[in-house]
């Protein structure tokens, strides 16, 4: 009997050392979660139960429990590296099978998929055709094509028209453009046609009376709008445009530079004033842009992957989805610092980073292993002593057996 009991102790010590060895071996593995061996005693029992003076039969391995405490963060130079600050797991997919992990070392494969080193695709919330995120889940894919151009359809102006300016004669256009003697102020910006071509758009302002100004719009030297009448009150605030109370004016249809589709644009004069100070432009914006080539990728704190383009625009390719479980101890390890769900873990509860009990996503960082080498070495010494003690029991039992044999 002592031999059998001591053998279970040796087996338990061996299992403990193996768990400790695995923890130490993965102390530098990104996203690794250490394990702890759990043991339980063994008692022989019958249908009537266990007697009060029953001697135990040794020890057995009750289970291996993983510790899902957070590891430290290591910052990297890769914008696609991700770390979860808080609870949750990345959702990954391979041939339709879902995996869950904390290791966030990601890159882009040949097809534009965001993948981990094993080739598993990172799953996230998908954008619609306009780049707005939806609730649909799927692999996050980076579009490799150029960003299509956008025609200018809106122009907004913030400016002050000098209230001390002279009232000028009628606005005239000569061979080289508007006559400078017939307008008080002007400003210009770039606008874009439907093919992404850039055009010079100029706005001219002529004082017509004490409270009225006329505005004209030219594209590449060709008049496309005006005169628009801007009416101001005695305090210099804009009252309305073209006799109404609105602040916008829309051009007639035209084809910029004679190429692309016919278009119109709306000019918003809401931020234009007439004060007794020099003419100045505080804001001049338009909503068009030229064709853009993808230059960089980066994640926002809410896990949204943005593509940055050469034309200054950005586009969302998807938002990282995080999953959590009712019982994380029920997850089944699947190698490569990944787990799969099981009946014991419950189904994955998927949401956006920062929602409910899910953590936030840190870009340019990786989560380190949560293994404490010092603690593991101490545990290894204890397991070694435990093994030696059980071996001593076997030695003592052997001496007793030998003595009995000698008596005979």
Protein backbone atom coordinates (compact mmCIF):
# COMPACT_ATOMS: atom_id res chain seq x y z
CA UNK A 1 0.00 0.00 0.00
CA UNK A 2 2.69 2.63 0.80
CA UNK A 3 4.25 1.92 -2.59
CA UNK A 4 0.97 2.68 -4.40
CA UNK A 5 0.31 5.83 -2.40
CA UNK A 6 3.86 7.13 -2.91
CA UNK A 7 3.62 6.37 -6.63
CA UNK A 8 0.57 8.66 -6.92
CA UNK A 9 2.62 11.33 -5.14
CA UNK A 10 5.48 10.89 -7.61
CA UNK A 11 3.03 11.10 -10.51
CA UNK A 12 1.49 14.27 -9.05
CA UNK A 13 4.92 15.86 -8.57
CA UNK A 14 5.81 14.93 -12.14
CA UNK A 15 2.61 16.57 -13.43
CA UNK A 16 3.30 19.67 -11.36
CA UNK A 17 6.82 19.92 -12.76
CA UNK A 18 5.50 19.54 -16.30
CA UNK A 19 3.02 22.40 -15.81
CA UNK A 20 5.76 24.57 -14.30
CA UNK A 21 8.07 23.65 -17.16
CA UNK A 22 5.44 24.64 -19.72
CA UNK A 23 4.93 27.99 -17.98
CA UNK A 24 8.66 28.73 -17.96
CA UNK A 25 9.04 27.63 -21.60
CA UNK A 26 6.33 30.12 -22.61
CA UNK A 27 7.43 32.98 -20.40
CA UNK A 28 8.27 35.01 -23.55
CA UNK A 29 5.27 33.85 -25.60
CA UNK A 30 3.00 36.76 -26.55
CA UNK A 31 -0.44 36.46 -25.00
CA UNK A 32 0.37 33.24 -23.12
CA UNK A 33 -1.58 32.51 -19.95
CA UNK A 34 0.13 30.46 -17.23
CA UNK A 35 -1.43 27.28 -15.84
CA UNK A 36 -1.71 25.80 -12.39
CA UNK A 37 -1.98 22.10 -11.56
CA UNK A 38 -4.79 21.26 -9.14
CA UNK A 39 -4.76 18.04 -7.11
CA UNK A 40 -7.32 16.07 -5.13
CA UNK A 41 -7.05 13.26 -2.60
CA UNK A 42 -8.19 9.68 -3.29
CA UNK A 43 -10.27 7.56 -0.90
CA UNK A 44 -11.54 4.06 -1.47
CA UNK A 45 -15.30 3.91 -1.03
CA UNK A 46 -18.10 1.42 -1.34
CA UNK A 47 -21.83 1.73 -1.84
CA UNK A 48 -22.02 2.49 1.89
CA UNK A 49 -19.57 5.39 1.66
CA UNK A 50 -16.18 5.89 3.31
CA UNK A 51 -15.50 4.78 6.85
CA UNK A 52 -14.37 7.34 9.42
CA UNK A 53 -10.98 5.67 9.89
CA UNK A 54 -10.30 5.05 6.19
CA UNK A 55 -6.75 5.66 5.04
CA UNK A 56 -6.42 7.63 1.84
CA UNK A 57 -5.19 6.07 -1.37
CA UNK A 58 -2.97 8.95 -2.45
CA UNK A 59 -3.41 11.95 -4.74
CA UNK A 60 -4.64 12.52 -8.26
CA UNK A 61 -4.50 15.34 -10.80
CA UNK A 62 -7.89 17.06 -10.59
CA UNK A 63 -7.28 19.48 -13.44
CA UNK A 64 -5.07 22.09 -15.11
CA UNK A 65 -6.42 25.60 -14.54
CA UNK A 66 -5.27 28.49 -16.68
CA UNK A 67 -4.84 31.91 -15.11
CA UNK A 68 -6.35 34.64 -17.31
CA UNK A 69 -4.82 37.60 -15.53
CA UNK A 70 -3.48 40.40 -17.75
CA UNK A 71 0.14 40.39 -18.82
CA UNK A 72 2.26 43.52 -19.16
CA UNK A 73 2.35 45.55 -22.37
CA UNK A 74 5.33 45.85 -24.69
CA UNK A 75 5.19 48.72 -27.17
CA UNK A 76 6.29 48.07 -30.75
CA UNK A 77 6.81 50.00 -34.00
CA UNK A 78 4.12 48.01 -35.82
CA UNK A 79 0.77 49.84 -35.94
CA UNK A 80 -1.00 46.51 -36.60
CA UNK A 81 0.18 45.01 -33.29
CA UNK A 82 -2.72 45.00 -30.85
CA UNK A 83 -3.05 44.46 -27.10
CA UNK A 84 -6.25 44.22 -25.07
CA UNK A 85 -6.27 46.37 -21.96
CA UNK A 86 -8.89 44.60 -19.87
CA UNK A 87 -11.08 41.58 -20.47
CA UNK A 88 -11.83 39.91 -23.77
CA UNK A 89 -10.29 37.88 -26.57
CA UNK A 90 -9.58 38.56 -30.22
CA UNK A 91 -11.85 36.57 -32.54
CA UNK A 92 -9.98 34.70 -35.28
CA UNK A 93 -11.20 32.49 -38.07
CA UNK A 94 -9.70 29.74 -40.20
CA UNK A 95 -11.81 27.91 -42.79
CA UNK A 96 -14.96 28.84 -40.88
CA UNK A 97 -13.67 27.66 -37.49
CA UNK A 98 -13.52 30.28 -34.75
CA UNK A 99 -10.62 30.70 -32.33
CA UNK A 100 -10.05 33.15 -29.50
CA UNK A 101 -6.76 34.60 -28.28
CA UNK A 102 -4.92 37.47 -26.63
CA UNK A 103 -1.84 37.48 -28.86
CA UNK A 104 -2.23 40.51 -31.13
CA UNK A 105 0.69 40.24 -33.53
CA UNK A 106 -1.08 40.91 -36.85
CA UNK A 107 -0.09 41.63 -40.41
CA UNK A 108 -1.61 41.72 -43.90
CA UNK A 109 -1.55 38.69 -46.22
CA UNK A 110 -1.55 38.68 -50.04
CA UNK A 111 -5.34 38.92 -50.17
CA UNK A 112 -5.48 41.90 -47.82
CA UNK A 113 -6.71 39.92 -44.82
CA UNK A 114 -5.51 40.96 -41.36
CA UNK A 115 -3.97 37.73 -40.06
CA UNK A 116 -1.93 36.38 -37.14
CA UNK A 117 1.39 34.54 -37.70
CA UNK A 118 -0.52 31.25 -38.17
CA UNK A 119 -2.64 32.70 -40.96
CA UNK A 120 -5.87 33.00 -38.97
CA UNK A 121 -8.00 35.96 -40.07
CA UNK A 122 -8.92 38.64 -37.57
CA UNK A 123 -12.71 38.96 -37.31
CA UNK A 124 -14.45 42.31 -36.91
CA UNK A 125 -17.53 44.37 -37.64
CA UNK A 126 -17.85 45.05 -41.35
CA UNK A 127 -18.33 48.46 -43.02
CA UNK A 128 -21.01 49.14 -45.63
CA UNK A 129 -20.32 50.60 -49.08
CA UNK A 130 -20.10 54.08 -47.56
CA UNK A 131 -17.56 53.06 -44.93
CA UNK A 132 -20.06 53.08 -42.05
CA UNK A 133 -19.63 50.22 -39.58
CA UNK A 134 -22.41 47.66 -39.32
CA UNK A 135 -23.19 44.80 -36.94
CA UNK A 136 -22.17 42.15 -39.48
CA UNK A 137 -19.15 40.03 -38.48
CA UNK A 138 -16.48 38.81 -40.85
CA UNK A 139 -12.73 38.84 -41.56
CA UNK A 140 -11.26 42.35 -41.71
CA UNK A 141 -9.95 42.93 -45.23
CA UNK A 142 -7.83 45.86 -46.42
CA UNK A 143 -8.86 47.27 -49.78
CA UNK A 144 -5.77 47.49 -51.98
CA UNK A 145 -7.31 49.60 -54.77
CA UNK A 146 -7.11 53.37 -55.07
CA UNK A 147 -9.72 55.43 -53.27
CA UNK A 148 -12.18 56.72 -55.87
CA UNK A 149 -12.31 60.50 -56.29
CA UNK A 150 -15.19 62.61 -55.02
CA UNK A 151 -16.61 65.54 -56.94
CA UNK A 152 -16.91 68.83 -55.10
CA UNK A 153 -20.55 69.46 -54.22
CA UNK A 154 -20.25 71.73 -51.18
CA UNK A 155 -18.10 74.77 -50.41
CA UNK A 156 -18.19 76.54 -47.05
CA UNK A 157 -16.72 79.98 -46.44
CA UNK A 158 -15.86 81.80 -43.23
CA UNK A 159 -14.76 85.39 -43.93
CA UNK A 160 -15.21 89.04 -43.06
CA UNK A 161 -16.10 91.52 -45.81
CA UNK A 162 -14.69 94.93 -44.92
CA UNK A 163 -17.59 97.26 -44.02
CA UNK A 164 -15.47 100.28 -45.00
CA UNK A 165 -15.02 99.07 -48.58
CA UNK A 166 -16.19 101.30 -51.41
CA UNK A 167 -19.29 100.65 -53.47
CA UNK A 168 -17.96 99.74 -56.92
CA UNK A 169 -19.42 99.89 -60.42
CA UNK A 170 -21.06 96.86 -62.05
CA UNK A 171 -19.06 93.63 -62.06
CA UNK A 172 -17.43 93.03 -65.42
CA UNK A 173 -15.39 90.21 -66.91
CA UNK A 174 -12.67 90.88 -69.42
CA UNK A 175 -10.54 88.65 -71.61
CA UNK A 176 -8.22 87.85 -68.71
CA UNK A 177 -10.99 87.38 -66.15
CA UNK A 178 -12.92 89.61 -63.75
CA UNK A 179 -11.93 93.27 -63.82
CA UNK A 180 -10.17 94.07 -60.49
CA UNK A 181 -11.75 97.51 -60.54
CA UNK A 182 -15.21 95.93 -60.23
CA UNK A 183 -14.75 93.73 -57.17
CA UNK A 184 -13.52 94.42 -53.63
CA UNK A 185 -12.25 91.05 -52.43
CA UNK A 186 -11.49 87.57 -53.75
CA UNK A 187 -10.28 84.19 -52.54
CA UNK A 188 -9.56 80.83 -54.18
CA UNK A 189 -9.45 77.12 -53.43
CA UNK A 190 -9.06 73.83 -55.27
CA UNK A 191 -12.13 71.82 -56.28
CA UNK A 192 -12.41 68.44 -57.99
CA UNK A 193 -14.38 66.94 -60.86
CA UNK A 194 -15.91 63.45 -60.99
CA UNK A 195 -12.63 62.00 -62.32
CA UNK A 196 -10.53 63.51 -59.54
CA UNK A 197 -9.14 66.31 -61.67
CA UNK A 198 -8.19 69.46 -59.76
CA UNK A 199 -9.62 72.85 -60.71
CA UNK A 200 -9.11 76.40 -59.45
CA UNK A 201 -12.31 77.80 -57.95
CA UNK A 202 -12.35 81.53 -57.23
CA UNK A 203 -14.91 83.58 -55.29
CA UNK A 204 -15.27 87.33 -55.95
CA UNK A 205 -17.12 89.82 -53.74
CA UNK A 206 -18.39 93.26 -54.81
CA UNK A 207 -20.03 95.73 -52.45
CA UNK A 208 -23.35 96.76 -53.93
CA UNK A 209 -24.76 98.96 -51.14
CA UNK A 210 -24.32 99.73 -47.45
CA UNK A 211 -25.76 96.32 -46.47
CA UNK A 212 -25.51 94.25 -49.66
CA UNK A 213 -22.71 92.40 -51.40
CA UNK A 214 -22.65 90.42 -54.62
CA UNK A 215 -20.75 87.11 -54.80
CA UNK A 216 -19.55 85.35 -57.96
CA UNK A 217 -17.97 81.90 -58.43
CA UNK A 218 -15.54 81.00 -61.23
CA UNK A 219 -14.01 77.60 -62.04
CA UNK A 220 -10.85 77.73 -64.16
CA UNK A 221 -11.75 81.28 -65.16
CA UNK A 222 -15.30 80.39 -66.26
CA UNK A 223 -18.22 81.88 -64.30
CA UNK A 224 -20.46 79.14 -62.87
CA UNK A 225 -22.46 81.07 -60.26
CA UNK A 226 -23.54 84.61 -59.40
CA UNK A 227 -24.37 87.17 -58.73
CA UNK A 228 -25.57 85.92 -55.34
CA UNK A 229 -26.86 88.73 -53.15
CA UNK A 230 -25.58 88.65 -49.56
CA UNK A 231 -27.62 90.85 -47.24
CA UNK A 232 -26.29 92.01 -43.84
CA UNK A 233 -27.96 93.83 -40.95
CA UNK A 234 -26.69 96.99 -39.24
CA UNK A 235 -24.57 94.86 -36.89
CA UNK A 236 -22.71 93.20 -39.77
CA UNK A 237 -24.42 89.80 -39.44
CA UNK A 238 -25.62 87.87 -42.48
CA UNK A 239 -29.41 88.12 -42.81
CA UNK A 240 -29.92 86.00 -45.90
CA UNK A 241 -28.89 85.11 -49.43
CA UNK A 242 -30.73 86.09 -52.63
CA UNK A 243 -33.62 87.68 -50.78
CA UNK A 244 -34.37 84.69 -48.57
CA UNK A 245 -33.40 83.82 -45.02
CA UNK A 246 -31.13 80.93 -45.98
CA UNK A 247 -27.34 81.09 -46.06
CA UNK A 248 -26.59 78.99 -49.16
CA UNK A 249 -26.57 79.42 -52.93
CA UNK A 250 -26.38 76.65 -55.54
CA UNK A 251 -24.62 76.99 -58.86
CA UNK A 252 -26.07 76.04 -62.22
CA UNK A 253 -25.00 72.70 -63.69
CA UNK A 254 -21.57 72.79 -65.35
CA UNK A 255 -18.80 70.43 -66.42
CA UNK A 256 -15.45 71.40 -64.80
CA UNK A 257 -12.79 71.73 -67.47
CA UNK A 258 -15.10 70.01 -69.95
CA UNK A 259 -14.31 66.53 -68.55
CA UNK A 260 -16.19 64.11 -66.33
CA UNK A 261 -19.82 64.39 -65.32
CA UNK A 262 -21.85 67.57 -65.13
CA UNK A 263 -22.14 68.82 -61.56
CA UNK A 264 -23.31 71.63 -59.31
CA UNK A 265 -22.05 72.87 -55.98
CA UNK A 266 -23.60 74.67 -53.03
CA UNK A 267 -21.79 77.54 -51.35
CA UNK A 268 -22.53 78.11 -47.67
CA UNK A 269 -22.05 81.73 -46.58
CA UNK A 270 -23.27 81.21 -42.97
CA UNK A 271 -19.93 82.27 -41.47
CA UNK A 272 -19.52 85.42 -43.58
CA UNK A 273 -19.78 88.78 -41.78
CA UNK A 274 -19.51 92.48 -42.61
CA UNK A 275 -17.55 94.19 -39.85
CA UNK A 276 -15.37 97.28 -39.95
CA UNK A 277 -12.11 95.35 -40.13
CA UNK A 278 -9.98 94.29 -43.12
CA UNK A 279 -11.05 91.47 -45.38
CA UNK A 280 -9.91 88.09 -44.08
CA UNK A 281 -10.72 84.42 -44.64
CA UNK A 282 -11.04 82.29 -41.50
CA UNK A 283 -12.28 79.08 -43.16
CA UNK A 284 -12.54 77.85 -46.73
CA UNK A 285 -13.43 74.19 -47.26
CA UNK A 286 -14.87 71.90 -49.89
CA UNK A 287 -15.86 68.24 -49.76
CA UNK A 288 -14.21 66.86 -52.91
CA UNK A 289 -10.91 65.05 -53.30
CA UNK A 290 -8.68 63.48 -55.91
CA UNK A 291 -7.86 59.82 -56.33
CA UNK A 292 -5.95 58.46 -53.33
CA UNK A 293 -3.41 55.69 -52.97
CA UNK A 294 -3.21 53.71 -49.71
CA UNK A 295 -0.19 54.88 -47.71
CA UNK A 296 -0.66 53.48 -44.19
CA UNK A 297 -2.87 51.49 -41.82
CA UNK A 298 -3.60 52.09 -38.17
CA UNK A 299 -6.09 51.10 -35.49
CA UNK A 300 -8.10 53.54 -33.40
CA UNK A 301 -8.63 52.99 -29.65
CA UNK A 302 -12.07 51.58 -30.36
CA UNK A 303 -10.49 48.96 -32.61
CA UNK A 304 -11.43 50.50 -35.96
CA UNK A 305 -8.88 49.86 -38.70
CA UNK A 306 -8.35 52.95 -40.86
CA UNK A 307 -6.60 53.18 -44.19
CA UNK A 308 -4.83 56.50 -44.77
CA UNK A 309 -4.59 57.72 -48.37
CA UNK A 310 -2.28 60.04 -50.26
CA UNK A 311 -5.11 62.55 -50.77
CA UNK A 312 -5.48 63.06 -47.02
CA UNK A 313 -8.62 60.93 -46.73
CA UNK A 314 -9.18 57.88 -44.54
CA UNK A 315 -11.46 54.88 -44.84
CA UNK A 316 -12.64 52.35 -42.25
CA UNK A 317 -12.00 48.74 -43.22
CA UNK A 318 -13.64 47.26 -40.13
CA UNK A 319 -13.69 47.29 -36.34
CA UNK A 320 -12.05 44.62 -34.19
CA UNK A 321 -14.58 42.42 -32.41
CA UNK A 322 -13.79 41.17 -28.90
CA UNK A 323 -15.35 38.13 -27.26
CA UNK A 324 -15.82 37.16 -23.65
CA UNK A 325 -17.19 34.06 -21.96
CA UNK A 326 -19.29 33.28 -18.90
CA UNK A 327 -16.64 30.77 -17.80
CA UNK A 328 -13.20 31.40 -19.27
CA UNK A 329 -11.88 28.33 -17.42
CA UNK A 330 -14.04 26.25 -19.73
CA UNK A 331 -12.09 27.33 -22.83
CA UNK A 332 -10.13 24.56 -24.55
CA UNK A 333 -6.47 25.35 -25.44
CA UNK A 334 -5.79 24.98 -29.18
CA UNK A 335 -2.04 25.85 -29.41
CA UNK A 336 -0.59 29.07 -30.86
CA UNK A 337 -1.93 30.94 -27.79
CA UNK A 338 -5.49 30.27 -28.95
CA UNK A 339 -8.56 28.71 -27.38
CA UNK A 340 -11.87 27.32 -28.62
CA UNK A 341 -15.18 27.56 -26.89
CA UNK A 342 -16.82 24.57 -25.25
CA UNK A 343 -20.09 23.71 -23.56
CA UNK A 344 -18.42 24.53 -20.25
CA UNK A 345 -17.24 27.99 -21.36
CA UNK A 346 -20.59 28.95 -22.82
CA UNK A 347 -21.03 30.72 -26.16
CA UNK A 348 -18.88 33.68 -27.13
CA UNK A 349 -20.33 37.07 -26.14
CA UNK A 350 -19.10 39.38 -28.91
CA UNK A 351 -19.03 43.17 -28.73
CA UNK A 352 -17.08 46.32 -29.51
CA UNK A 353 -13.92 47.19 -27.53
CA UNK A 354 -14.81 49.24 -24.48
CA UNK A 355 -18.43 48.04 -24.35
CA UNK A 356 -19.96 46.19 -21.36
CA UNK A 357 -17.13 44.29 -19.64
CA UNK A 358 -14.78 44.26 -22.65
CA UNK A 359 -11.42 46.02 -22.55
CA UNK A 360 -10.07 48.59 -24.98
CA UNK A 361 -7.59 47.96 -27.78
CA UNK A 362 -4.07 49.40 -27.65
CA UNK A 363 -2.42 49.77 -31.08
CA UNK A 364 1.33 49.37 -31.45
CA UNK A 365 1.59 47.13 -28.39
CA UNK A 366 1.61 43.43 -27.49
CA UNK A 367 0.54 41.69 -24.31
CA UNK A 368 3.34 39.80 -22.62
CA UNK A 369 3.02 36.39 -21.00
CA UNK A 370 1.65 36.59 -17.44
CA UNK A 371 4.26 34.09 -16.20
CA UNK A 372 6.26 35.22 -13.16
CA UNK A 373 9.62 33.45 -13.53
CA UNK A 374 10.57 33.96 -9.87
CA UNK A 375 7.34 32.42 -8.64
CA UNK A 376 7.71 29.51 -11.06
CA UNK A 377 11.24 28.76 -9.85
CA UNK A 378 10.03 28.70 -6.24
CA UNK A 379 7.19 26.38 -7.23
CA UNK A 380 9.69 24.17 -9.05
CA UNK A 381 11.79 23.82 -5.88
CA UNK A 382 8.69 22.87 -3.91
CA UNK A 383 7.65 20.31 -6.55
CA UNK A 384 11.17 18.87 -6.50
CA UNK A 385 11.08 18.49 -2.72
CA UNK A 386 7.64 16.93 -2.99
CA UNK A 387 8.99 14.41 -5.48
CA UNK A 388 11.98 13.62 -3.24
CA UNK A 389 9.75 13.15 -0.20
CA UNK A 390 7.55 10.63 -2.02
CA UNK A 391 10.65 8.82 -3.23
CA UNK A 392 11.79 8.61 0.40
CA UNK A 393 8.46 7.00 1.29
CA UNK A 394 9.12 4.32 -1.30
CA UNK A 395 12.61 3.80 0.13
CA UNK A 396 11.23 3.49 3.67
CA UNK A 397 8.55 1.04 2.54
CA UNK A 398 11.23 -1.01 0.76
CA UNK A 399 13.33 -1.23 3.94
CA UNK A 400 10.31 -2.38 5.95
CA UNK A 401 9.50 -5.01 3.34
CA UNK A 402 13.12 -6.20 3.35
CA UNK A 403 13.10 -6.50 7.17
CA UNK A 404 9.94 -8.62 7.06
CA UNK A 405 11.51 -10.87 4.44
CA UNK A 406 14.65 -11.28 6.58
CA UNK A 407 12.49 -12.31 9.56
CA UNK A 408 11.02 -15.09 7.49
